[in-house]
Amino acid sequence: MVATMNAIISIAHLSKTYASGFQALKDVNLDIRRGEILALLGPNGAGKTTLISAICGIVTASGGSVLVDGHDIVTGYRESRAKIGLVPQELTTDAFETVWATVSFSRGLFGKPANPAHIEKVLRELSLWDKKDNKIITLSGGMKRRVLIAKALSHEPQILFLDEPTAGVDVELRRDMWELVRSLRATGVTIILTTHYIEEAEEMADRIGVISKGELILVEDKVELMRKLGKKQLSLQLQTPLRTVPAQLAAHRLELSKAGSEMVYTYDTRSEETGIAALLKALSEAGIGFKDLQTTESSLEDIFVSLVKEEA
């Protein structure tokens, strides 16, 4: 298997079946581009964590292969794992160690020489510097989450995995975390995150992958995904409710809602002509008056829900 030129991770035909017979991953193929932020979306149990765990070598795949910066994760485990920082979902830390000792120890695990200046920089960026001598057991949940991120960054990885990084996290930490993610990406770090917060993916990601029942059902540039699957709707509040759409308006594919008092027109954001001008002219000719109108645009959440529904 050969990695494509700008892919830092190349996944081919990856599958995972547990001893129970449960198939957590089914023939996943994905190239993750160097320096991008990729968001993996999917319902609980879709296979997001299994996919990350397989790439990081925590779970042994049943089939397929993964290359990390050209290193096979099986035959070149040490080299591939050294490129990766992982922030797991669960808060697992050495409770009785200090913040400084824990983060420094993580760096040593990857065979990197001591670098106090780097550890200080990471702790400062994560607002942990004033807690450096505190034992982890004394920290709040949000601070423990910051320590996990510091540990993942201790050995200067080129790839950072964030598994549900902001689940149960306060607003301030979420904001800090995204600032850090953006600054890391600016230095060339590739970031892969799984999240339940779709607005987070919408704000942060360059590309979106959707996993459902162990299958990667879609990977698309976010802007392109919003353009292709996003719908725009024009809602007209009618002066007089209608029972049915008049025959002369049939060509416009209109729907009535709110007991006939609202008319909804869905149009394609891609086409040059939205058809709104023609619709308004047709309404005027049909003698249909409206009091107000508004447009709405589907969010990434709407797109995600409709994709997963189609798969079900």
C-alpha atoms as a PDB file:
ATOM      1  CA  MET A   1       0.000   0.000   0.000  1.00  0.00           C
ATOM      2  CA  VAL A   2       1.339   3.435  -0.936  1.00  0.00           C
ATOM      3  CA  ALA A   3       0.252   6.619   0.815  1.00  0.00           C
ATOM      4  CA  THR A   4      -0.955   9.378  -1.486  1.00  0.00           C
ATOM      5  CA  MET A   5       1.272  12.436  -1.698  1.00  0.00           C
ATOM      6  CA  ASN A   6      -0.396  14.824   0.728  1.00  0.00           C
ATOM      7  CA  ALA A   7      -1.898  12.179   3.039  1.00  0.00           C
ATOM      8  CA  ILE A   8      -0.329  11.906   6.488  1.00  0.00           C
ATOM      9  CA  ILE A   9      -2.594   8.936   7.303  1.00  0.00           C
ATOM     10  CA  SER A  10      -3.761   6.402   4.702  1.00  0.00           C
ATOM     11  CA  ILE A  11      -6.390   3.864   5.765  1.00  0.00           C
ATOM     12  CA  ALA A  12      -7.251   0.999   3.406  1.00  0.00           C
ATOM     13  CA  HIS A  13     -10.023  -1.607   3.863  1.00  0.00           C
ATOM     14  CA  LEU A  14      -9.881  -1.307   7.646  1.00  0.00           C
ATOM     15  CA  SER A  15     -12.264  -3.580   9.523  1.00  0.00           C
ATOM     16  CA  LYS A  16     -12.727  -4.641  13.128  1.00  0.00           C
ATOM     17  CA  THR A  17     -14.886  -7.485  14.412  1.00  0.00           C
ATOM     18  CA  TYR A  18     -14.861  -8.152  18.156  1.00  0.00           C
ATOM     19  CA  ALA A  19     -14.879 -11.645  19.670  1.00  0.00           C
ATOM     20  CA  SER A  20     -18.598 -11.223  20.368  1.00  0.00           C
ATOM     21  CA  GLY A  21     -19.170 -11.039  16.602  1.00  0.00           C
ATOM     22  CA  PHE A  22     -19.948  -7.301  16.677  1.00  0.00           C
ATOM     23  CA  GLN A  23     -18.528  -5.596  13.592  1.00  0.00           C
ATOM     24  CA  ALA A  24     -17.384  -2.168  14.744  1.00  0.00           C
ATOM     25  CA  LEU A  25     -15.674  -1.123  11.479  1.00  0.00           C
ATOM     26  CA  LYS A  26     -16.559  -2.231   7.950  1.00  0.00           C
ATOM     27  CA  ASP A  27     -14.090  -1.693   5.096  1.00  0.00           C
ATOM     28  CA  VAL A  28     -13.085   1.874   5.974  1.00  0.00           C
ATOM     29  CA  ASN A  29     -10.994   3.703   3.360  1.00  0.00           C
ATOM     30  CA  LEU A  30      -9.764   7.207   4.147  1.00  0.00           C
ATOM     31  CA  ASP A  31      -6.832   9.480   3.385  1.00  0.00           C
ATOM     32  CA  ILE A  32      -6.276  12.181   6.019  1.00  0.00           C
ATOM     33  CA  ARG A  33      -4.502  15.195   4.573  1.00  0.00           C
ATOM     34  CA  ARG A  34      -1.428  16.712   6.140  1.00  0.00           C
ATOM     35  CA  GLY A  35      -2.305  19.836   8.126  1.00  0.00           C
ATOM     36  CA  GLU A  36      -6.096  19.558   7.942  1.00  0.00           C
ATOM     37  CA  ILE A  37      -8.744  19.480  10.663  1.00  0.00           C
ATOM     38  CA  LEU A  38     -10.990  16.488  10.012  1.00  0.00           C
ATOM     39  CA  ALA A  39     -14.160  16.065  12.086  1.00  0.00           C
ATOM     40  CA  LEU A  40     -15.640  12.580  12.414  1.00  0.00           C
ATOM     41  CA  LEU A  41     -19.344  12.712  13.148  1.00  0.00           C
ATOM     42  CA  GLY A  42     -21.560   9.785  14.002  1.00  0.00           C
ATOM     43  CA  PRO A  43     -24.098   8.582  16.543  1.00  0.00           C
ATOM     44  CA  ASN A  44     -23.013   6.703  19.683  1.00  0.00           C
ATOM     45  CA  GLY A  45     -21.643   3.281  18.813  1.00  0.00           C
ATOM     46  CA  ALA A  46     -21.016   4.264  15.180  1.00  0.00           C
ATOM     47  CA  GLY A  47     -17.330   3.264  15.349  1.00  0.00           C
ATOM     48  CA  LYS A  48     -15.588   6.629  15.825  1.00  0.00           C
ATOM     49  CA  THR A  49     -13.552   5.630  18.886  1.00  0.00           C
ATOM     50  CA  THR A  50     -12.750   2.192  17.418  1.00  0.00           C
ATOM     51  CA  LEU A  51     -11.380   3.876  14.283  1.00  0.00           C
ATOM     52  CA  ILE A  52      -9.146   6.215  16.313  1.00  0.00           C
ATOM     53  CA  SER A  53      -8.035   3.327  18.569  1.00  0.00           C
ATOM     54  CA  ALA A  54      -7.137   1.204  15.525  1.00  0.00           C
ATOM     55  CA  ILE A  55      -5.034   4.007  13.980  1.00  0.00           C
ATOM     56  CA  CYS A  56      -3.248   4.539  17.325  1.00  0.00           C
ATOM     57  CA  GLY A  57      -2.609   0.802  17.735  1.00  0.00           C
ATOM     58  CA  ILE A  58      -4.739   0.486  20.896  1.00  0.00           C
ATOM     59  CA  VAL A  59      -7.165  -1.871  19.127  1.00  0.00           C
ATOM     60  CA  THR A  60      -5.870  -4.485  16.690  1.00  0.00           C
ATOM     61  CA  ALA A  61      -7.756  -4.333  13.393  1.00  0.00           C
ATOM     62  CA  SER A  62      -9.259  -7.533  11.960  1.00  0.00           C
ATOM     63  CA  GLY A  63      -8.290  -6.545   8.423  1.00  0.00           C
ATOM     64  CA  GLY A  64      -6.875  -3.766   6.296  1.00  0.00           C
ATOM     65  CA  SER A  65      -3.889  -1.493   6.812  1.00  0.00           C
ATOM     66  CA  VAL A  66      -2.978   1.962   8.104  1.00  0.00           C
ATOM     67  CA  LEU A  67       0.069   4.052   7.201  1.00  0.00           C
ATOM     68  CA  VAL A  68       1.031   6.992   9.427  1.00  0.00           C
ATOM     69  CA  ASP A  69       3.412   9.327   7.616  1.00  0.00           C
ATOM     70  CA  GLY A  70       4.617   6.342   5.583  1.00  0.00           C
ATOM     71  CA  HIS A  71       5.010   3.967   8.564  1.00  0.00           C
ATOM     72  CA  ASP A  72       2.822   0.875   8.820  1.00  0.00           C
ATOM     73  CA  ILE A  73       1.123   0.866  12.247  1.00  0.00           C
ATOM     74  CA  VAL A  74       1.933  -2.827  12.733  1.00  0.00           C
ATOM     75  CA  THR A  75       5.461  -3.260  11.360  1.00  0.00           C
ATOM     76  CA  GLY A  76       6.520   0.316  12.200  1.00  0.00           C
ATOM     77  CA  TYR A  77       4.542   0.738  15.412  1.00  0.00           C
ATOM     78  CA  ARG A  78       7.081   2.820  17.353  1.00  0.00           C
ATOM     79  CA  GLU A  79       7.692   5.218  14.469  1.00  0.00           C
ATOM     80  CA  SER A  80       4.003   5.649  13.668  1.00  0.00           C
ATOM     81  CA  ARG A  81       2.895   6.013  17.298  1.00  0.00           C
ATOM     82  CA  ALA A  82       5.573   8.645  17.968  1.00  0.00           C
ATOM     83  CA  LYS A  83       3.921  10.871  15.338  1.00  0.00           C
ATOM     84  CA  ILE A  84       0.568  10.749  17.167  1.00  0.00           C
ATOM     85  CA  GLY A  85      -0.844  12.540  20.197  1.00  0.00           C
ATOM     86  CA  LEU A  86      -4.105  11.116  21.542  1.00  0.00           C
ATOM     87  CA  VAL A  87      -6.555  12.827  23.877  1.00  0.00           C
ATOM     88  CA  PRO A  88      -8.933  10.044  24.930  1.00  0.00           C
ATOM     89  CA  GLN A  89     -12.548  10.469  25.980  1.00  0.00           C
ATOM     90  CA  GLU A  90     -12.016   9.026  29.462  1.00  0.00           C
ATOM     91  CA  LEU A  91     -10.185  11.031  32.095  1.00  0.00           C
ATOM     92  CA  THR A  92      -7.307   8.692  32.920  1.00  0.00           C
ATOM     93  CA  THR A  93      -4.353  10.285  34.677  1.00  0.00           C
ATOM     94  CA  ASP A  94      -1.810   9.470  37.384  1.00  0.00           C
ATOM     95  CA  ALA A  95      -3.813  10.916  40.273  1.00  0.00           C
ATOM     96  CA  PHE A  96      -0.949  11.332  42.749  1.00  0.00           C
ATOM     97  CA  GLU A  97       1.622  12.782  40.363  1.00  0.00           C
ATOM     98  CA  THR A  98       2.056  16.505  39.793  1.00  0.00           C
ATOM     99  CA  VAL A  99       1.013  18.077  36.512  1.00  0.00           C
ATOM    100  CA  TRP A 100       4.655  18.777  35.591  1.00  0.00           C
ATOM    101  CA  ALA A 101       5.815  15.212  36.346  1.00  0.00           C
ATOM    102  CA  THR A 102       2.932  13.589  34.435  1.00  0.00           C
ATOM    103  CA  VAL A 103       3.405  15.683  31.300  1.00  0.00           C
ATOM    104  CA  SER A 104       7.209  15.321  31.383  1.00  0.00           C
ATOM    105  CA  PHE A 105       6.889  11.551  31.852  1.00  0.00           C
ATOM    106  CA  SER A 106       4.603  11.305  28.791  1.00  0.00           C
ATOM    107  CA  ARG A 107       7.310  12.925  26.688  1.00  0.00           C
ATOM    108  CA  GLY A 108       9.865  10.395  27.939  1.00  0.00           C
ATOM    109  CA  LEU A 109       7.600   7.493  26.966  1.00  0.00           C
ATOM    110  CA  PHE A 110       8.165   8.406  23.323  1.00  0.00           C
ATOM    111  CA  GLY A 111      11.934   8.398  23.731  1.00  0.00           C
ATOM    112  CA  LYS A 112      12.185  12.168  23.433  1.00  0.00           C
ATOM    113  CA  PRO A 113      14.944  13.904  25.417  1.00  0.00           C
ATOM    114  CA  ALA A 114      13.821  16.187  28.240  1.00  0.00           C
ATOM    115  CA  ASN A 115      12.755  19.624  27.055  1.00  0.00           C
ATOM    116  CA  PRO A 116      11.491  21.752  29.953  1.00  0.00           C
ATOM    117  CA  ALA A 117      10.981  24.759  27.663  1.00  0.00           C
ATOM    118  CA  HIS A 118       8.528  22.795  25.491  1.00  0.00           C
ATOM    119  CA  ILE A 119       6.642  21.440  28.529  1.00  0.00           C
ATOM    120  CA  GLU A 120       6.394  24.977  29.938  1.00  0.00           C
ATOM    121  CA  LYS A 121       5.096  26.308  26.615  1.00  0.00           C
ATOM    122  CA  VAL A 122       2.372  23.606  26.449  1.00  0.00           C
ATOM    123  CA  LEU A 123       1.324  24.173  30.077  1.00  0.00           C
ATOM    124  CA  ARG A 124       1.153  27.929  29.557  1.00  0.00           C
ATOM    125  CA  GLU A 125      -0.937  27.559  26.383  1.00  0.00           C
ATOM    126  CA  LEU A 126      -3.384  25.365  28.281  1.00  0.00           C
ATOM    127  CA  SER A 127      -3.575  27.740  31.303  1.00  0.00           C
ATOM    128  CA  LEU A 128      -1.954  25.028  33.461  1.00  0.00           C
ATOM    129  CA  TRP A 129       1.271  26.789  34.360  1.00  0.00           C
ATOM    130  CA  ASP A 130       0.084  27.947  37.803  1.00  0.00           C
ATOM    131  CA  LYS A 131      -1.050  24.351  38.504  1.00  0.00           C
ATOM    132  CA  LYS A 132       2.234  22.714  37.479  1.00  0.00           C
ATOM    133  CA  ASP A 133       3.110  21.592  41.040  1.00  0.00           C
ATOM    134  CA  ASN A 134      -0.426  20.476  41.951  1.00  0.00           C
ATOM    135  CA  LYS A 135      -1.237  16.792  42.237  1.00  0.00           C
ATOM    136  CA  ILE A 136      -3.711  15.765  39.551  1.00  0.00           C
ATOM    137  CA  ILE A 137      -6.171  14.393  42.125  1.00  0.00           C
ATOM    138  CA  THR A 138      -6.716  17.980  43.357  1.00  0.00           C
ATOM    139  CA  LEU A 139      -7.735  19.337  39.935  1.00  0.00           C
ATOM    140  CA  SER A 140     -11.236  19.947  38.579  1.00  0.00           C
ATOM    141  CA  GLY A 141     -12.567  17.859  35.681  1.00  0.00           C
ATOM    142  CA  GLY A 142     -11.871  20.687  33.216  1.00  0.00           C
ATOM    143  CA  MET A 143      -8.278  21.020  34.436  1.00  0.00           C
ATOM    144  CA  LYS A 144      -7.772  17.239  34.198  1.00  0.00           C
ATOM    145  CA  ARG A 145      -8.963  17.458  30.585  1.00  0.00           C
ATOM    146  CA  ARG A 146      -6.328  20.147  29.968  1.00  0.00           C
ATOM    147  CA  VAL A 147      -3.667  17.832  31.467  1.00  0.00           C
ATOM    148  CA  LEU A 148      -4.696  15.076  29.005  1.00  0.00           C
ATOM    149  CA  ILE A 149      -4.200  17.504  26.125  1.00  0.00           C
ATOM    150  CA  ALA A 150      -0.812  18.582  27.546  1.00  0.00           C
ATOM    151  CA  LYS A 151       0.261  14.916  27.788  1.00  0.00           C
ATOM    152  CA  ALA A 152      -0.795  14.333  24.176  1.00  0.00           C
ATOM    153  CA  LEU A 153       1.288  17.335  23.054  1.00  0.00           C
ATOM    154  CA  SER A 154       4.311  16.591  25.252  1.00  0.00           C
ATOM    155  CA  HIS A 155       6.288  14.767  22.534  1.00  0.00           C
ATOM    156  CA  GLU A 156       5.532  17.314  19.760  1.00  0.00           C
ATOM    157  CA  PRO A 157       3.351  15.036  17.628  1.00  0.00           C
ATOM    158  CA  GLN A 158       2.528  15.833  14.002  1.00  0.00           C
ATOM    159  CA  ILE A 159      -0.972  14.364  14.386  1.00  0.00           C
ATOM    160  CA  LEU A 160      -3.418  15.021  17.211  1.00  0.00           C
ATOM    161  CA  PHE A 161      -6.521  12.918  17.856  1.00  0.00           C
ATOM    162  CA  LEU A 162      -9.218  14.484  20.024  1.00  0.00           C
ATOM    163  CA  ASP A 163     -11.933  11.991  20.982  1.00  0.00           C
ATOM    164  CA  GLU A 164     -15.039  13.942  22.078  1.00  0.00           C
ATOM    165  CA  PRO A 165     -12.738  16.654  23.474  1.00  0.00           C
ATOM    166  CA  THR A 166     -15.428  18.993  24.756  1.00  0.00           C
ATOM    167  CA  ALA A 167     -17.942  16.492  26.151  1.00  0.00           C
ATOM    168  CA  GLY A 168     -18.941  17.837  29.553  1.00  0.00           C
ATOM    169  CA  VAL A 169     -16.478  20.722  29.350  1.00  0.00           C
ATOM    170  CA  ASP A 170     -17.183  24.294  30.413  1.00  0.00           C
ATOM    171  CA  VAL A 171     -17.508  27.060  27.847  1.00  0.00           C
ATOM    172  CA  GLU A 172     -14.175  28.666  28.774  1.00  0.00           C
ATOM    173  CA  LEU A 173     -12.219  25.440  28.257  1.00  0.00           C
ATOM    174  CA  ARG A 174     -14.017  24.812  24.979  1.00  0.00           C
ATOM    175  CA  ARG A 175     -12.974  28.260  23.746  1.00  0.00           C
ATOM    176  CA  ASP A 176      -9.372  27.766  24.931  1.00  0.00           C
ATOM    177  CA  MET A 177      -9.250  24.370  23.299  1.00  0.00           C
ATOM    178  CA  TRP A 178     -10.339  25.648  19.918  1.00  0.00           C
ATOM    179  CA  GLU A 179      -7.802  28.466  20.082  1.00  0.00           C
ATOM    180  CA  LEU A 180      -5.133  25.875  20.796  1.00  0.00           C
ATOM    181  CA  VAL A 181      -6.373  23.620  17.957  1.00  0.00           C
ATOM    182  CA  ARG A 182      -6.200  26.536  15.510  1.00  0.00           C
ATOM    183  CA  SER A 183      -2.703  27.518  16.641  1.00  0.00           C
ATOM    184  CA  LEU A 184      -1.528  23.894  16.327  1.00  0.00           C
ATOM    185  CA  ARG A 185      -2.944  23.652  12.834  1.00  0.00           C
ATOM    186  CA  ALA A 186      -1.128  26.874  11.961  1.00  0.00           C
ATOM    187  CA  THR A 187       2.148  25.098  12.873  1.00  0.00           C
ATOM    188  CA  GLY A 188       1.291  22.193  10.545  1.00  0.00           C
ATOM    189  CA  VAL A 189      -0.227  19.709  13.015  1.00  0.00           C
ATOM    190  CA  THR A 190      -2.970  17.499  11.553  1.00  0.00           C
ATOM    191  CA  ILE A 191      -6.020  17.289  13.818  1.00  0.00           C
ATOM    192  CA  ILE A 192      -8.720  14.622  13.822  1.00  0.00           C
ATOM    193  CA  LEU A 193     -11.607  15.098  16.208  1.00  0.00           C
ATOM    194  CA  THR A 194     -14.742  13.177  16.979  1.00  0.00           C
ATOM    195  CA  THR A 195     -17.571  15.240  18.339  1.00  0.00           C
ATOM    196  CA  HIS A 196     -21.245  15.206  19.217  1.00  0.00           C
ATOM    197  CA  TYR A 197     -21.367  18.972  18.951  1.00  0.00           C
ATOM    198  CA  ILE A 198     -22.077  19.448  15.296  1.00  0.00           C
ATOM    199  CA  GLU A 199     -21.781  23.229  15.526  1.00  0.00           C
ATOM    200  CA  GLU A 200     -18.210  22.616  16.696  1.00  0.00           C
ATOM    201  CA  ALA A 201     -17.414  20.643  13.541  1.00  0.00           C
ATOM    202  CA  GLU A 202     -19.146  23.304  11.470  1.00  0.00           C
ATOM    203  CA  GLU A 203     -16.933  25.994  12.962  1.00  0.00           C
ATOM    204  CA  MET A 204     -13.619  24.131  13.151  1.00  0.00           C
ATOM    205  CA  ALA A 205     -13.298  21.461  10.486  1.00  0.00           C
ATOM    206  CA  ASP A 206     -11.911  21.619   6.956  1.00  0.00           C
ATOM    207  CA  ARG A 207     -13.477  18.263   6.110  1.00  0.00           C
ATOM    208  CA  ILE A 208     -16.288  16.225   7.599  1.00  0.00           C
ATOM    209  CA  GLY A 209     -16.475  12.434   7.745  1.00  0.00           C
ATOM    210  CA  VAL A 210     -19.721  10.738   8.742  1.00  0.00           C
ATOM    211  CA  ILE A 211     -19.621   7.246  10.293  1.00  0.00           C
ATOM    212  CA  SER A 212     -22.735   5.162  10.745  1.00  0.00           C
ATOM    213  CA  LYS A 213     -22.816   1.516  11.890  1.00  0.00           C
ATOM    214  CA  GLY A 214     -19.083   1.070  11.332  1.00  0.00           C
ATOM    215  CA  GLU A 215     -19.120   2.420   7.781  1.00  0.00           C
ATOM    216  CA  LEU A 216     -17.689   5.696   6.570  1.00  0.00           C
ATOM    217  CA  ILE A 217     -20.690   6.888   4.578  1.00  0.00           C
ATOM    218  CA  LEU A 218     -19.256  10.201   3.452  1.00  0.00           C
ATOM    219  CA  VAL A 219     -16.093  12.321   3.541  1.00  0.00           C
ATOM    220  CA  GLU A 220     -16.383  15.766   2.063  1.00  0.00           C
ATOM    221  CA  ASP A 221     -14.907  19.255   2.297  1.00  0.00           C
ATOM    222  CA  LYS A 222     -17.156  21.095   4.724  1.00  0.00           C
ATOM    223  CA  VAL A 223     -17.878  23.989   2.384  1.00  0.00           C
ATOM    224  CA  GLU A 224     -18.698  21.575  -0.439  1.00  0.00           C
ATOM    225  CA  LEU A 225     -20.901  19.464   1.822  1.00  0.00           C
ATOM    226  CA  MET A 226     -22.870  22.497   2.953  1.00  0.00           C
ATOM    227  CA  ARG A 227     -23.194  23.603  -0.668  1.00  0.00           C
ATOM    228  CA  LYS A 228     -24.283  20.216  -2.009  1.00  0.00           C
ATOM    229  CA  LEU A 229     -26.597  19.088   0.753  1.00  0.00           C
ATOM    230  CA  GLY A 230     -27.588  22.393   2.264  1.00  0.00           C
ATOM    231  CA  LYS A 231     -31.096  23.535   1.413  1.00  0.00           C
ATOM    232  CA  LYS A 232     -32.371  27.063   1.409  1.00  0.00           C
ATOM    233  CA  GLN A 233     -36.005  27.741   2.013  1.00  0.00           C
ATOM    234  CA  LEU A 234     -38.150  30.782   1.502  1.00  0.00           C
ATOM    235  CA  SER A 235     -41.180  30.941   3.809  1.00  0.00           C
ATOM    236  CA  LEU A 236     -44.035  33.264   2.907  1.00  0.00           C
ATOM    237  CA  GLN A 237     -46.654  34.225   5.514  1.00  0.00           C
ATOM    238  CA  LEU A 238     -49.857  34.440   3.514  1.00  0.00           C
ATOM    239  CA  GLN A 239     -52.500  37.122   4.020  1.00  0.00           C
ATOM    240  CA  THR A 240     -55.256  34.575   3.453  1.00  0.00           C
ATOM    241  CA  PRO A 241     -54.714  30.869   4.298  1.00  0.00           C
ATOM    242  CA  LEU A 242     -54.931  28.408   1.380  1.00  0.00           C
ATOM    243  CA  ARG A 243     -56.316  24.880   1.418  1.00  0.00           C
ATOM    244  CA  THR A 244     -54.232  23.743  -1.552  1.00  0.00           C
ATOM    245  CA  VAL A 245     -51.512  25.138  -3.770  1.00  0.00           C
ATOM    246  CA  PRO A 246     -53.212  26.649  -6.856  1.00  0.00           C
ATOM    247  CA  ALA A 247     -52.667  24.694 -10.075  1.00  0.00           C
ATOM    248  CA  GLN A 248     -50.908  27.623 -11.804  1.00  0.00           C
ATOM    249  CA  LEU A 249     -48.155  27.446  -9.137  1.00  0.00           C
ATOM    250  CA  ALA A 250     -47.587  23.680  -9.427  1.00  0.00           C
ATOM    251  CA  ALA A 251     -44.281  24.118 -11.296  1.00  0.00           C
ATOM    252  CA  HIS A 252     -42.681  25.808  -8.264  1.00  0.00           C
ATOM    253  CA  ARG A 253     -42.873  22.744  -5.944  1.00  0.00           C
ATOM    254  CA  LEU A 254     -44.436  24.647  -3.071  1.00  0.00           C
ATOM    255  CA  GLU A 255     -45.576  23.208   0.253  1.00  0.00           C
ATOM    256  CA  LEU A 256     -48.181  24.593   2.598  1.00  0.00           C
ATOM    257  CA  SER A 257     -47.604  24.581   6.345  1.00  0.00           C
ATOM    258  CA  LYS A 258     -49.108  26.079   9.510  1.00  0.00           C
ATOM    259  CA  ALA A 259     -52.682  25.218   8.472  1.00  0.00           C
ATOM    260  CA  GLY A 260     -52.252  26.800   5.067  1.00  0.00           C
ATOM    261  CA  SER A 261     -51.098  30.172   6.377  1.00  0.00           C
ATOM    262  CA  GLU A 262     -47.473  29.627   5.264  1.00  0.00           C
ATOM    263  CA  MET A 263     -46.076  28.653   1.906  1.00  0.00           C
ATOM    264  CA  VAL A 264     -42.578  27.141   1.757  1.00  0.00           C
ATOM    265  CA  TYR A 265     -40.389  27.220  -1.339  1.00  0.00           C
ATOM    266  CA  THR A 266     -37.167  25.133  -1.361  1.00  0.00           C
ATOM    267  CA  TYR A 267     -34.494  26.200  -3.789  1.00  0.00           C
ATOM    268  CA  ASP A 268     -31.066  25.024  -4.820  1.00  0.00           C
ATOM    269  CA  THR A 269     -28.176  27.107  -3.523  1.00  0.00           C
ATOM    270  CA  ARG A 270     -25.961  25.895  -6.374  1.00  0.00           C
ATOM    271  CA  SER A 271     -27.957  27.072  -9.349  1.00  0.00           C
ATOM    272  CA  GLU A 272     -27.516  30.496 -10.887  1.00  0.00           C
ATOM    273  CA  GLU A 273     -31.261  31.102 -10.846  1.00  0.00           C
ATOM    274  CA  THR A 274     -33.019  30.597  -7.522  1.00  0.00           C
ATOM    275  CA  GLY A 275     -36.419  31.021  -9.161  1.00  0.00           C
ATOM    276  CA  ILE A 276     -37.576  33.416  -6.440  1.00  0.00           C
ATOM    277  CA  ALA A 277     -38.271  36.295  -8.822  1.00  0.00           C
ATOM    278  CA  ALA A 278     -40.381  34.026 -11.053  1.00  0.00           C
ATOM    279  CA  LEU A 279     -42.238  32.684  -8.003  1.00  0.00           C
ATOM    280  CA  LEU A 280     -43.087  36.159  -6.687  1.00  0.00           C
ATOM    281  CA  LYS A 281     -44.348  37.156 -10.136  1.00  0.00           C
ATOM    282  CA  ALA A 282     -46.501  33.994 -10.318  1.00  0.00           C
ATOM    283  CA  LEU A 283     -47.936  34.683  -6.838  1.00  0.00           C
ATOM    284  CA  SER A 284     -48.860  38.207  -7.874  1.00  0.00           C
ATOM    285  CA  GLU A 285     -50.539  36.923 -11.051  1.00  0.00           C
ATOM    286  CA  ALA A 286     -52.481  34.354  -9.017  1.00  0.00           C
ATOM    287  CA  GLY A 287     -53.660  37.114  -6.670  1.00  0.00           C
ATOM    288  CA  ILE A 288     -51.964  35.601  -3.621  1.00  0.00           C
ATOM    289  CA  GLY A 289     -50.725  38.211  -1.154  1.00  0.00           C
ATOM    290  CA  PHE A 290     -48.227  37.677   1.628  1.00  0.00           C
ATOM    291  CA  LYS A 291     -47.502  39.668   4.794  1.00  0.00           C
ATOM    292  CA  ASP A 292     -43.944  38.627   5.397  1.00  0.00           C
ATOM    293  CA  LEU A 293     -41.184  36.397   4.068  1.00  0.00           C
ATOM    294  CA  GLN A 294     -38.012  34.895   5.473  1.00  0.00           C
ATOM    295  CA  THR A 295     -35.254  32.613   4.260  1.00  0.00           C
ATOM    296  CA  THR A 296     -33.618  29.784   6.210  1.00  0.00           C
ATOM    297  CA  GLU A 297     -30.572  27.705   5.421  1.00  0.00           C
ATOM    298  CA  SER A 298     -29.954  24.150   6.619  1.00  0.00           C
ATOM    299  CA  SER A 299     -27.140  23.681   9.103  1.00  0.00           C
ATOM    300  CA  LEU A 300     -24.584  20.904   9.193  1.00  0.00           C
ATOM    301  CA  GLU A 301     -26.779  19.324  11.878  1.00  0.00           C
ATOM    302  CA  ASP A 302     -29.738  19.072   9.475  1.00  0.00           C
ATOM    303  CA  ILE A 303     -27.449  17.483   6.870  1.00  0.00           C
ATOM    304  CA  PHE A 304     -25.987  15.009   9.379  1.00  0.00           C
ATOM    305  CA  VAL A 305     -29.415  13.941  10.660  1.00  0.00           C
ATOM    306  CA  SER A 306     -30.713  13.363   7.129  1.00  0.00           C
ATOM    307  CA  LEU A 307     -27.580  11.358   6.149  1.00  0.00           C
ATOM    308  CA  VAL A 308     -27.787   9.066   9.178  1.00  0.00           C
ATOM    309  CA  LYS A 309     -31.551   8.632   8.631  1.00  0.00           C
ATOM    310  CA  GLU A 310     -30.916   7.511   5.056  1.00  0.00           C
ATOM    311  CA  GLU A 311     -28.478   4.883   6.337  1.00  0.00           C
ATOM    312  CA  ALA A 312     -30.819   3.529   9.004  1.00  0.00           C
END
